[in-house]
């Protein structure tokens, strides 16, 4: 039975389905995403955590319409953004999405105030209106003393807080954050993440934060894990490690759980009264032999 994507699109802010991305490097193909499925609630702060090379930045670029997938769809507020033209993609990024990157967020020659004003001026806002909003944003996040400072005159944490204000300048519906604490110490990273969390609560902003740091990821209301271009699972308050079954019936079991259970490439599935039991093939074979030869088992005891 096929999914009703239209219903999902009405229910969720963002719907990602069967997203794949293949890069060509000469004669070789690099698969960055292998069929990613997940949804994001309106007003949710979601963290996607994974090691370097796991596909998390590529995923963020697809959601932000900075790159096009090889296959699959990204639906934002009911619209398939993977089908947007270049002009429509630019408008989507300018008006609907805010970006915060690990580095390169700010224009070096501009002050904090001017950096926050810039996206508003590019969107056509009048200078006075842009200046008032920029000042209000910077003041809201404790940066009123840094209005006239340039990036080299501020700390890394201050620069990232200014970058969040830049991302909020045009009142986006979605904020995408890519390793924004990657170059910060623990105390400063906590300050930046508190700022991000405050933006989520006070502005009702939907935020997707990707990071390699599980500690940073825990600031979110929900954490997904990505490895080798696939969503592995998430942490649940009551149940611990859980996994989702995607639209194609696939379930990705976290590596740590696979290792603990002794699961390799082939497994045996058994339906029990409590649900689905997944066994390593070798264990299942041993149990079948024991059931087929009860007499020998008795003699060995």
Protein backbone atom coordinates (compact mmCIF):
# COMPACT_ATOMS: atom_id res chain seq x y z
CA UNK A 1 0.00 0.00 0.00
CA UNK A 2 1.55 3.31 -1.11
CA UNK A 3 1.95 6.32 1.14
CA UNK A 4 -0.35 9.30 0.98
CA UNK A 5 2.27 12.03 0.59
CA UNK A 6 -0.37 14.73 0.30
CA UNK A 7 -1.66 13.93 3.80
CA UNK A 8 1.88 13.84 5.19
CA UNK A 9 2.64 17.17 3.54
CA UNK A 10 -0.34 18.74 5.31
CA UNK A 11 0.67 17.24 8.66
CA UNK A 12 4.39 18.02 8.71
CA UNK A 13 6.54 21.08 8.01
CA UNK A 14 9.12 19.03 6.11
CA UNK A 15 8.79 15.56 4.56
CA UNK A 16 11.87 13.82 3.14
CA UNK A 17 11.26 10.70 1.08
CA UNK A 18 13.69 8.23 -0.51
CA UNK A 19 16.30 10.96 -0.90
CA UNK A 20 19.40 9.85 -2.81
CA UNK A 21 22.47 11.76 -3.93
CA UNK A 22 25.24 10.36 -6.10
CA UNK A 23 28.32 12.43 -6.87
CA UNK A 24 30.58 11.59 -9.80
CA UNK A 25 34.31 12.01 -9.35
CA UNK A 26 35.93 11.12 -12.63
CA UNK A 27 34.90 7.54 -13.39
CA UNK A 28 33.90 6.85 -9.79
CA UNK A 29 30.54 7.31 -8.08
CA UNK A 30 30.22 8.41 -4.46
CA UNK A 31 26.84 7.73 -2.86
CA UNK A 32 26.26 10.42 -0.24
CA UNK A 33 22.59 9.62 0.50
CA UNK A 34 21.08 6.16 0.05
CA UNK A 35 17.33 6.70 0.40
CA UNK A 36 16.68 8.91 3.43
CA UNK A 37 13.17 9.13 4.92
CA UNK A 38 11.98 11.30 7.82
CA UNK A 39 9.53 14.06 8.76
CA UNK A 40 9.89 17.28 10.76
CA UNK A 41 7.08 18.69 12.90
CA UNK A 42 6.15 22.37 12.76
CA UNK A 43 8.11 24.25 15.42
CA UNK A 44 10.39 21.28 16.11
CA UNK A 45 14.07 21.51 16.98
CA UNK A 46 15.57 18.42 15.37
CA UNK A 47 19.20 17.31 15.56
CA UNK A 48 20.75 14.96 13.03
CA UNK A 49 23.99 13.55 14.41
CA UNK A 50 26.59 11.56 12.53
CA UNK A 51 30.33 11.26 11.87
CA UNK A 52 32.17 13.14 9.16
CA UNK A 53 31.22 11.84 5.72
CA UNK A 54 27.89 10.39 6.87
CA UNK A 55 25.85 12.56 4.51
CA UNK A 56 24.42 15.07 6.98
CA UNK A 57 25.68 18.21 5.22
CA UNK A 58 24.53 16.87 1.85
CA UNK A 59 21.10 16.27 3.38
CA UNK A 60 20.96 19.83 4.70
CA UNK A 61 21.88 21.21 1.27
CA UNK A 62 18.99 19.28 -0.31
CA UNK A 63 16.49 20.63 2.23
CA UNK A 64 17.83 24.14 1.67
CA UNK A 65 17.57 23.84 -2.15
CA UNK A 66 21.30 24.47 -2.49
CA UNK A 67 21.69 21.23 -4.42
CA UNK A 68 19.39 18.80 -6.21
CA UNK A 69 19.03 15.13 -5.26
CA UNK A 70 19.67 12.30 -7.68
CA UNK A 71 16.31 10.82 -6.65
CA UNK A 72 13.61 11.34 -4.04
CA UNK A 73 11.72 14.39 -2.83
CA UNK A 74 11.83 17.11 -0.19
CA UNK A 75 8.40 18.57 0.58
CA UNK A 76 8.28 21.88 2.45
CA UNK A 77 4.85 23.11 3.52
CA UNK A 78 3.20 21.05 0.81
CA UNK A 79 5.53 22.07 -2.03
CA UNK A 80 8.10 19.77 -3.65
CA UNK A 81 11.20 21.97 -3.52
CA UNK A 82 13.25 19.52 -5.57
CA UNK A 83 11.24 20.66 -8.59
CA UNK A 84 11.84 24.38 -8.15
CA UNK A 85 13.54 26.38 -10.89
CA UNK A 86 16.81 28.18 -10.11
CA UNK A 87 14.93 31.45 -9.63
CA UNK A 88 12.33 29.80 -7.37
CA UNK A 89 15.07 28.07 -5.37
CA UNK A 90 16.79 31.41 -4.79
CA UNK A 91 13.54 32.97 -3.61
CA UNK A 92 12.90 29.99 -1.31
CA UNK A 93 16.35 30.37 0.25
CA UNK A 94 16.05 34.11 0.60
CA UNK A 95 12.56 34.27 2.10
CA UNK A 96 11.73 30.93 3.68
CA UNK A 97 15.01 29.48 4.96
CA UNK A 98 17.77 30.73 7.25
CA UNK A 99 21.25 29.17 7.14
CA UNK A 100 23.97 29.05 9.80
CA UNK A 101 27.25 27.39 8.84
CA UNK A 102 30.33 26.38 10.82
CA UNK A 103 32.39 29.14 9.19
CA UNK A 104 31.93 31.85 6.60
CA UNK A 105 28.63 33.10 8.00
CA UNK A 106 29.57 36.76 8.13
CA UNK A 107 31.02 39.31 5.70
CA UNK A 108 34.39 40.27 7.23
CA UNK A 109 34.27 43.96 6.30
CA UNK A 110 30.80 44.60 7.74
CA UNK A 111 29.82 45.27 11.34
CA UNK A 112 27.46 42.96 13.22
CA UNK A 113 24.61 45.39 12.55
CA UNK A 114 25.42 45.60 8.84
CA UNK A 115 25.73 41.81 8.53
CA UNK A 116 22.24 41.33 9.97
CA UNK A 117 20.85 44.11 7.76
CA UNK A 118 22.33 42.62 4.59
CA UNK A 119 19.82 39.81 3.88
CA UNK A 120 16.93 42.18 4.54
CA UNK A 121 18.32 44.76 2.12
CA UNK A 122 18.79 42.03 -0.52
CA UNK A 123 15.14 41.04 0.00
CA UNK A 124 14.07 44.63 -0.70
CA UNK A 125 13.43 46.01 2.78
CA UNK A 126 14.01 49.72 3.34
CA UNK A 127 17.19 50.66 5.17
CA UNK A 128 15.45 52.12 8.24
CA UNK A 129 13.23 49.04 8.68
CA UNK A 130 16.17 46.69 8.22
CA UNK A 131 18.27 48.63 10.71
CA UNK A 132 15.56 48.57 13.37
CA UNK A 133 15.02 44.81 13.05
CA UNK A 134 18.76 44.10 13.02
CA UNK A 135 19.25 46.14 16.17
CA UNK A 136 16.32 44.41 17.89
CA UNK A 137 17.60 40.93 17.00
CA UNK A 138 21.14 41.62 18.20
CA UNK A 139 19.80 43.16 21.42
CA UNK A 140 17.48 40.20 22.02
CA UNK A 141 20.46 37.86 21.93
CA UNK A 142 22.69 39.94 24.20
CA UNK A 143 24.83 41.53 21.50
CA UNK A 144 23.85 45.17 21.90
CA UNK A 145 27.46 46.03 22.81
CA UNK A 146 28.73 44.49 19.56
CA UNK A 147 26.60 46.39 17.02
CA UNK A 148 29.61 48.28 15.58
CA UNK A 149 32.10 45.43 15.86
CA UNK A 150 33.39 43.51 12.85
CA UNK A 151 33.83 39.70 12.92
CA UNK A 152 37.57 39.85 13.73
CA UNK A 153 36.75 42.00 16.78
CA UNK A 154 34.38 39.42 18.26
CA UNK A 155 34.82 35.96 19.78
CA UNK A 156 33.83 32.77 17.95
CA UNK A 157 30.71 32.42 20.07
CA UNK A 158 29.69 36.02 19.42
CA UNK A 159 30.17 35.54 15.70
CA UNK A 160 27.93 32.49 15.71
CA UNK A 161 25.25 34.34 17.68
CA UNK A 162 25.42 37.16 15.13
CA UNK A 163 25.14 34.51 12.40
CA UNK A 164 21.94 33.21 13.99
CA UNK A 165 20.59 36.77 13.93
CA UNK A 166 21.52 36.97 10.23
CA UNK A 167 19.61 33.73 9.64
CA UNK A 168 16.58 35.15 11.46
CA UNK A 169 16.66 38.52 9.69
CA UNK A 170 14.02 37.76 7.05
CA UNK A 171 11.74 35.88 9.50
CA UNK A 172 12.27 32.45 7.90
CA UNK A 173 9.99 29.46 8.45
CA UNK A 174 12.91 27.05 8.67
CA UNK A 175 16.45 27.38 10.02
CA UNK A 176 19.21 25.00 8.92
CA UNK A 177 22.34 24.81 11.09
CA UNK A 178 25.45 22.91 9.96
CA UNK A 179 28.06 22.10 12.63
CA UNK A 180 27.70 25.58 14.10
CA UNK A 181 29.61 24.65 17.28
CA UNK A 182 32.33 22.65 15.52
CA UNK A 183 35.11 25.14 16.25
CA UNK A 184 33.91 26.30 19.69
CA UNK A 185 34.87 25.21 23.19
CA UNK A 186 32.27 23.46 25.33
CA UNK A 187 31.16 26.54 27.29
CA UNK A 188 30.79 28.68 24.15
CA UNK A 189 29.05 25.87 22.30
CA UNK A 190 26.51 25.65 25.11
CA UNK A 191 25.87 29.39 24.84
CA UNK A 192 25.32 29.17 21.07
CA UNK A 193 22.99 26.18 21.42
CA UNK A 194 21.00 27.96 24.10
CA UNK A 195 20.59 30.81 21.62
CA UNK A 196 19.37 28.37 18.98
CA UNK A 197 16.96 26.79 21.46
CA UNK A 198 15.66 30.20 22.45
CA UNK A 199 15.04 31.07 18.78
CA UNK A 200 13.08 27.84 18.46
CA UNK A 201 10.88 28.60 21.47
CA UNK A 202 10.36 32.35 21.17
CA UNK A 203 9.90 32.50 17.40
CA UNK A 204 8.21 29.10 16.98
CA UNK A 205 10.91 28.40 14.41
CA UNK A 206 11.42 24.96 12.90
CA UNK A 207 15.13 24.11 13.16
CA UNK A 208 17.21 21.26 11.75
CA UNK A 209 20.66 21.14 13.33
CA UNK A 210 23.31 18.73 12.05
CA UNK A 211 26.34 17.91 14.18
CA UNK A 212 28.91 15.23 14.91
CA UNK A 213 28.68 15.98 18.64
CA UNK A 214 26.09 13.94 20.61
CA UNK A 215 26.28 16.43 23.47
CA UNK A 216 25.26 19.30 21.17
CA UNK A 217 22.57 17.13 19.57
CA UNK A 218 20.85 16.68 22.94
CA UNK A 219 19.67 20.30 22.93
CA UNK A 220 17.04 19.19 20.40
CA UNK A 221 13.63 17.77 21.18
CA UNK A 222 14.43 14.81 18.91
CA UNK A 223 17.68 13.28 17.66
CA UNK A 224 18.13 11.25 14.48
CA UNK A 225 21.38 9.46 13.67
CA UNK A 226 22.79 9.20 10.18
CA UNK A 227 25.55 6.87 9.01
CA UNK A 228 26.68 6.00 5.49
CA UNK A 229 23.86 8.01 3.97
CA UNK A 230 21.03 6.35 5.88
CA UNK A 231 19.03 7.32 8.96
CA UNK A 232 19.95 4.77 11.63
CA UNK A 233 17.53 5.51 14.42
CA UNK A 234 16.80 7.85 17.29
CA UNK A 235 16.85 8.13 21.05
CA UNK A 236 13.56 7.82 22.91
CA UNK A 237 13.15 9.05 26.49
CA UNK A 238 11.47 5.82 27.68
CA UNK A 239 12.71 3.14 25.28
CA UNK A 240 16.29 4.19 24.50
CA UNK A 241 17.44 3.20 21.00
CA UNK A 242 14.58 2.94 18.53
CA UNK A 243 14.41 2.79 14.74
CA UNK A 244 11.80 3.86 12.21
CA UNK A 245 10.43 1.79 9.35
CA UNK A 246 10.66 3.93 6.24
CA UNK A 247 8.23 4.21 3.32
CA UNK A 248 9.74 1.16 1.61
CA UNK A 249 9.54 -1.06 4.69
CA UNK A 250 13.25 -0.73 5.49
CA UNK A 251 14.54 -0.55 9.05
CA UNK A 252 18.11 0.48 9.85
CA UNK A 253 19.41 -1.00 13.10
CA UNK A 254 22.06 1.18 14.82
CA UNK A 255 25.60 -0.20 14.53
CA UNK A 256 26.05 -0.49 18.30
CA UNK A 257 22.85 -2.56 18.59
CA UNK A 258 23.86 -4.79 15.66
CA UNK A 259 27.23 -5.44 17.25
CA UNK A 260 25.72 -6.18 20.67
CA UNK A 261 23.18 -8.61 19.18
CA UNK A 262 25.71 -10.28 16.90
CA UNK A 263 23.76 -9.36 13.76
CA UNK A 264 25.59 -9.57 10.44
CA UNK A 265 24.42 -9.18 6.83
CA UNK A 266 21.74 -11.93 6.92
CA UNK A 267 19.22 -12.33 9.72
CA UNK A 268 16.13 -14.40 10.45
CA UNK A 269 12.80 -12.71 11.22
CA UNK A 270 10.25 -14.38 13.49
CA UNK A 271 6.82 -13.02 14.39
CA UNK A 272 6.08 -13.59 18.10
CA UNK A 273 3.29 -12.60 20.46
CA UNK A 274 5.39 -9.60 21.55
CA UNK A 275 6.32 -8.42 18.07
CA UNK A 276 9.11 -9.07 15.60
CA UNK A 277 12.16 -11.06 16.72
CA UNK A 278 15.39 -10.54 14.74
CA UNK A 279 18.04 -13.26 15.15
CA UNK A 280 21.50 -13.82 13.69
CA UNK A 281 21.24 -16.52 11.03
CA UNK A 282 23.69 -18.82 12.79
CA UNK A 283 21.64 -18.73 16.04
CA UNK A 284 18.43 -19.47 14.18
CA UNK A 285 20.06 -22.40 12.39
CA UNK A 286 21.32 -23.85 15.67
CA UNK A 287 17.86 -23.65 17.21
CA UNK A 288 16.32 -25.37 14.18
CA UNK A 289 18.83 -28.24 14.46
CA UNK A 290 18.01 -28.61 18.16
CA UNK A 291 14.28 -28.76 17.40
CA UNK A 292 14.81 -31.35 14.66
CA UNK A 293 16.96 -33.61 16.86
CA UNK A 294 15.50 -33.59 20.39
CA UNK A 295 16.76 -37.08 21.16
CA UNK A 296 20.41 -36.20 20.65
CA UNK A 297 20.06 -33.15 22.86
CA UNK A 298 18.68 -35.31 25.66
CA UNK A 299 21.60 -37.75 25.38
CA UNK A 300 24.16 -34.92 25.59
CA UNK A 301 22.68 -33.56 28.83
